[in-house]
Amino acid sequence: MINRPIIQWSVDSEDWKSKDAQMIIDKVTSSVYDGSIILLHDIHPETIAAVPEIIRDLKKEGYQFVSLDTLLNNPSSNETYYGENDHRPAGG
């Protein structure tokens, strides 16, 4: 154990599976909730193409984008974080 927080995600865009910009947009916007962490891979051109619309759509819905430190209140304990209110002891 490195005695550090482990950051995971709570919304999987499944961009690696679909490799389709509209499917990525639909998956994220239908799965997101307040305090979630979205997983996106910048190695797929379709994901890069989807991001501006995801941001635009989520901002229209009133979401704000913040750093992980802000979202998780500067995590420092040895826990696994999946979102703002979802963290569990690491390794368990």
C-alpha atoms as a PDB file:
ATOM      1  CA  MET A   1       0.000   0.000   0.000  1.00  0.00           C
ATOM      2  CA  ILE A   2       1.224   3.479  -0.805  1.00  0.00           C
ATOM      3  CA  ASN A   3      -0.994   5.103   1.854  1.00  0.00           C
ATOM      4  CA  ARG A   4      -2.510   7.471  -0.688  1.00  0.00           C
ATOM      5  CA  PRO A   5      -6.033   7.923  -2.044  1.00  0.00           C
ATOM      6  CA  ILE A   6      -6.986   5.863  -5.083  1.00  0.00           C
ATOM      7  CA  ILE A   7      -9.248   7.706  -7.524  1.00  0.00           C
ATOM      8  CA  GLN A   8     -11.640   5.642  -9.636  1.00  0.00           C
ATOM      9  CA  TRP A   9     -14.669   6.669 -11.678  1.00  0.00           C
ATOM     10  CA  SER A  10     -18.408   6.425 -11.235  1.00  0.00           C
ATOM     11  CA  VAL A  11     -19.462   6.989 -14.860  1.00  0.00           C
ATOM     12  CA  ASP A  12     -17.862   4.817 -17.529  1.00  0.00           C
ATOM     13  CA  SER A  13     -18.303   6.339 -20.981  1.00  0.00           C
ATOM     14  CA  GLU A  14     -17.469   2.968 -22.540  1.00  0.00           C
ATOM     15  CA  ASP A  15     -15.729   4.972 -25.260  1.00  0.00           C
ATOM     16  CA  TRP A  16     -13.244   2.125 -25.739  1.00  0.00           C
ATOM     17  CA  LYS A  17     -16.136  -0.183 -26.635  1.00  0.00           C
ATOM     18  CA  SER A  18     -18.339   1.946 -28.871  1.00  0.00           C
ATOM     19  CA  LYS A  19     -15.791   4.283 -30.468  1.00  0.00           C
ATOM     20  CA  ASP A  20     -18.812   6.311 -31.583  1.00  0.00           C
ATOM     21  CA  ALA A  21     -19.055   9.978 -30.547  1.00  0.00           C
ATOM     22  CA  GLN A  22     -22.856  10.084 -30.253  1.00  0.00           C
ATOM     23  CA  MET A  23     -22.959   6.866 -28.232  1.00  0.00           C
ATOM     24  CA  ILE A  24     -20.308   8.285 -25.885  1.00  0.00           C
ATOM     25  CA  ILE A  25     -22.315  11.498 -25.456  1.00  0.00           C
ATOM     26  CA  ASP A  26     -25.520   9.556 -24.798  1.00  0.00           C
ATOM     27  CA  LYS A  27     -23.863   7.188 -22.314  1.00  0.00           C
ATOM     28  CA  VAL A  28     -22.277   9.988 -20.281  1.00  0.00           C
ATOM     29  CA  THR A  29     -25.249  12.366 -20.265  1.00  0.00           C
ATOM     30  CA  SER A  30     -27.682   9.597 -19.286  1.00  0.00           C
ATOM     31  CA  SER A  31     -25.428   8.193 -16.531  1.00  0.00           C
ATOM     32  CA  VAL A  32     -23.985  11.291 -14.876  1.00  0.00           C
ATOM     33  CA  TYR A  33     -25.145  12.498 -11.472  1.00  0.00           C
ATOM     34  CA  ASP A  34     -24.068  15.181  -9.047  1.00  0.00           C
ATOM     35  CA  GLY A  35     -20.571  14.442  -7.744  1.00  0.00           C
ATOM     36  CA  SER A  36     -19.691  11.812 -10.323  1.00  0.00           C
ATOM     37  CA  ILE A  37     -16.279  11.176 -11.873  1.00  0.00           C
ATOM     38  CA  ILE A  38     -16.434  10.505 -15.636  1.00  0.00           C
ATOM     39  CA  LEU A  39     -13.989   8.129 -17.314  1.00  0.00           C
ATOM     40  CA  LEU A  40     -12.931   9.181 -20.831  1.00  0.00           C
ATOM     41  CA  HIS A  41      -9.904   8.062 -22.856  1.00  0.00           C
ATOM     42  CA  ASP A  42      -8.150  10.744 -24.887  1.00  0.00           C
ATOM     43  CA  ILE A  43      -6.554   8.140 -27.153  1.00  0.00           C
ATOM     44  CA  HIS A  44      -9.770   7.756 -29.180  1.00  0.00           C
ATOM     45  CA  PRO A  45     -10.593  10.485 -31.728  1.00  0.00           C
ATOM     46  CA  GLU A  46     -14.314   9.800 -31.202  1.00  0.00           C
ATOM     47  CA  THR A  47     -13.961  10.603 -27.509  1.00  0.00           C
ATOM     48  CA  ILE A  48     -12.160  13.841 -28.268  1.00  0.00           C
ATOM     49  CA  ALA A  49     -14.946  14.752 -30.685  1.00  0.00           C
ATOM     50  CA  ALA A  50     -17.606  13.985 -28.028  1.00  0.00           C
ATOM     51  CA  VAL A  51     -16.110  16.015 -25.165  1.00  0.00           C
ATOM     52  CA  PRO A  52     -17.195  19.536 -26.273  1.00  0.00           C
ATOM     53  CA  GLU A  53     -20.810  18.402 -26.618  1.00  0.00           C
ATOM     54  CA  ILE A  54     -20.704  16.531 -23.298  1.00  0.00           C
ATOM     55  CA  ILE A  55     -19.425  19.668 -21.573  1.00  0.00           C
ATOM     56  CA  ARG A  56     -21.988  21.868 -23.310  1.00  0.00           C
ATOM     57  CA  ASP A  57     -24.894  19.501 -22.476  1.00  0.00           C
ATOM     58  CA  LEU A  58     -23.885  19.043 -18.839  1.00  0.00           C
ATOM     59  CA  LYS A  59     -23.375  22.778 -18.309  1.00  0.00           C
ATOM     60  CA  LYS A  60     -26.872  23.367 -19.737  1.00  0.00           C
ATOM     61  CA  GLU A  61     -28.176  20.937 -17.102  1.00  0.00           C
ATOM     62  CA  GLY A  62     -26.443  22.985 -14.408  1.00  0.00           C
ATOM     63  CA  TYR A  63     -23.404  20.815 -13.761  1.00  0.00           C
ATOM     64  CA  GLN A  64     -20.080  22.423 -12.878  1.00  0.00           C
ATOM     65  CA  PHE A  65     -16.679  20.949 -13.657  1.00  0.00           C
ATOM     66  CA  VAL A  66     -14.216  20.990 -10.758  1.00  0.00           C
ATOM     67  CA  SER A  67     -10.847  19.476  -9.943  1.00  0.00           C
ATOM     68  CA  LEU A  68     -10.686  16.187  -8.057  1.00  0.00           C
ATOM     69  CA  ASP A  69      -9.217  17.995  -5.045  1.00  0.00           C
ATOM     70  CA  THR A  70     -12.241  20.273  -4.954  1.00  0.00           C
ATOM     71  CA  LEU A  71     -14.761  17.490  -5.594  1.00  0.00           C
ATOM     72  CA  LEU A  72     -13.282  15.144  -2.999  1.00  0.00           C
ATOM     73  CA  ASN A  73     -12.287  17.809  -0.464  1.00  0.00           C
ATOM     74  CA  ASN A  74      -8.528  17.292  -0.836  1.00  0.00           C
ATOM     75  CA  PRO A  75      -8.447  13.529  -0.303  1.00  0.00           C
ATOM     76  CA  SER A  76      -5.430  12.321   1.624  1.00  0.00           C
ATOM     77  CA  SER A  77      -6.525   9.161   3.413  1.00  0.00           C
ATOM     78  CA  ASN A  78      -5.908   5.679   2.111  1.00  0.00           C
ATOM     79  CA  GLU A  79      -9.354   5.203   0.570  1.00  0.00           C
ATOM     80  CA  THR A  80     -10.717   4.439  -2.882  1.00  0.00           C
ATOM     81  CA  TYR A  81     -12.868   7.263  -4.255  1.00  0.00           C
ATOM     82  CA  TYR A  82     -15.604   6.724  -6.860  1.00  0.00           C
ATOM     83  CA  GLY A  83     -17.319  10.099  -6.551  1.00  0.00           C
ATOM     84  CA  GLU A  84     -18.058  12.948  -4.197  1.00  0.00           C
ATOM     85  CA  ASN A  85     -19.912  10.892  -1.580  1.00  0.00           C
ATOM     86  CA  ASP A  86     -18.638   7.439  -2.456  1.00  0.00           C
ATOM     87  CA  HIS A  87     -15.342   6.383  -0.887  1.00  0.00           C
ATOM     88  CA  ARG A  88     -14.320   3.150   0.778  1.00  0.00           C
ATOM     89  CA  PRO A  89     -11.268   1.751   2.559  1.00  0.00           C
ATOM     90  CA  ALA A  90      -8.579   0.866  -0.001  1.00  0.00           C
ATOM     91  CA  GLY A  91      -7.769  -2.784  -0.538  1.00  0.00           C
ATOM     92  CA  GLY A  92     -11.049  -4.006   0.844  1.00  0.00           C
END
